[in-house]
Protein backbone atom coordinates (compact mmCIF):
# COMPACT_ATOMS: atom_id res chain seq x y z
CA MET A 1 106.45 79.37 86.78
CA ILE A 2 107.80 82.12 88.99
CA GLU A 3 110.09 81.25 91.89
CA LEU A 4 109.27 82.74 95.26
CA THR A 5 111.61 85.03 97.11
CA GLU A 6 112.84 84.01 100.54
CA GLN A 7 110.57 86.64 102.09
CA GLN A 8 107.54 85.18 100.28
CA ILE A 9 108.44 81.64 101.36
CA LEU A 10 108.58 82.77 104.98
CA ALA A 11 105.26 84.60 104.65
CA LEU A 12 103.59 81.53 103.15
CA GLY A 13 104.89 79.44 106.04
CA ASN A 14 102.89 81.45 108.58
CA PRO A 15 99.28 80.19 108.53
CA GLU A 16 98.14 83.10 110.74
CA ALA A 17 99.36 85.77 108.29
CA PRO A 18 97.32 86.99 105.34
CA PRO A 19 98.46 85.72 101.93
CA PRO A 20 101.57 87.51 100.63
CA GLN A 21 101.05 90.18 98.01
CA VAL A 22 103.28 90.93 95.04
CA VAL A 23 103.34 94.04 92.87
CA ASN A 24 103.96 94.19 89.15
CA PRO A 25 106.47 97.07 88.89
CA ARG A 26 105.36 97.93 85.35
CA THR A 27 101.66 98.32 86.12
CA ASN A 28 101.60 98.72 89.92
CA GLU A 29 98.94 95.98 90.01
CA THR A 30 98.86 93.99 93.24
CA PHE A 31 98.41 90.22 93.27
CA VAL A 32 97.80 87.79 96.11
CA LEU A 33 99.65 84.49 96.37
CA LEU A 34 97.33 81.57 97.10
CA ARG A 35 97.92 77.84 97.17
CA ALA A 36 96.46 76.15 94.09
CA ASP A 37 93.91 74.23 96.20
CA GLU A 38 92.67 77.48 97.80
CA TYR A 39 92.33 79.08 94.37
CA GLN A 40 90.34 76.08 93.07
CA ARG A 41 88.08 76.18 96.14
CA LEU A 42 87.34 79.86 95.48
CA LYS A 43 86.54 79.16 91.84
CA GLU A 44 84.32 76.19 92.66
CA ASN A 45 82.16 78.23 95.05
CA GLU A 46 80.70 80.03 92.04
CA TYR A 47 82.72 83.19 92.51
CA ASP A 48 81.15 85.80 90.27
CA ASP A 49 83.44 88.59 89.14
CA SER A 50 81.15 89.79 86.37
CA PRO A 51 80.15 93.47 86.25
CA TRP A 52 77.44 94.45 88.71
CA SER A 53 73.92 94.84 87.43
CA ARG A 54 72.11 98.18 87.65
CA GLU A 55 69.90 96.72 90.39
CA GLU A 56 72.95 95.70 92.45
CA LEU A 57 74.49 99.15 92.03
CA LEU A 58 71.27 100.88 93.09
CA THR A 59 70.99 98.60 96.13
CA LEU A 60 74.55 99.42 97.18
CA ALA A 61 73.96 103.15 96.69
CA TRP A 62 70.75 102.98 98.74
CA GLU A 63 72.47 101.06 101.54
CA ALA A 64 75.42 103.48 101.55
CA GLY A 65 73.06 106.44 101.80
CA LYS A 66 71.15 104.81 104.63
CA GLN A 67 74.40 104.15 106.54
CA SER A 68 75.39 107.77 105.99
CA GLY A 69 72.22 108.97 107.68
CA TRP A 70 70.28 109.92 104.57
CA ASP A 71 67.03 108.44 105.92
CA ASP A 72 65.08 111.68 105.44
CA MET A 73 65.53 111.96 101.67
CA ASP A 74 62.00 110.87 100.83
CA GLU A 75 61.85 113.07 97.73
CA TYR A 76 64.12 110.56 95.96
CA ASP A 77 61.89 107.57 96.67
CA ASP A 78 59.98 108.16 93.43
CA ILE A 79 63.20 108.15 91.38
CA VAL A 80 64.93 105.12 92.85
CA GLU A 81 62.99 102.18 94.13
CA LYS A 82 64.22 100.85 97.48
CA PRO A 83 65.39 97.23 97.42
């Protein structure tokens, strides 16, 4: 177990604030502090952190292009099938 700093305790006491974040100084990785019941709730809702499938990646790329105004790129329709 890791003990919280006073600053983290105060941050956790404010329900309006986002969860406090901590940084591992060796790796610069950022972590979010959540209550155990919130963490369990997230896990139980079938959270999927597996790598994205090729189809999901293509869908995201297509949607990003559409949002960027790339509607008139019909020559690529034969290469990538729209979702």
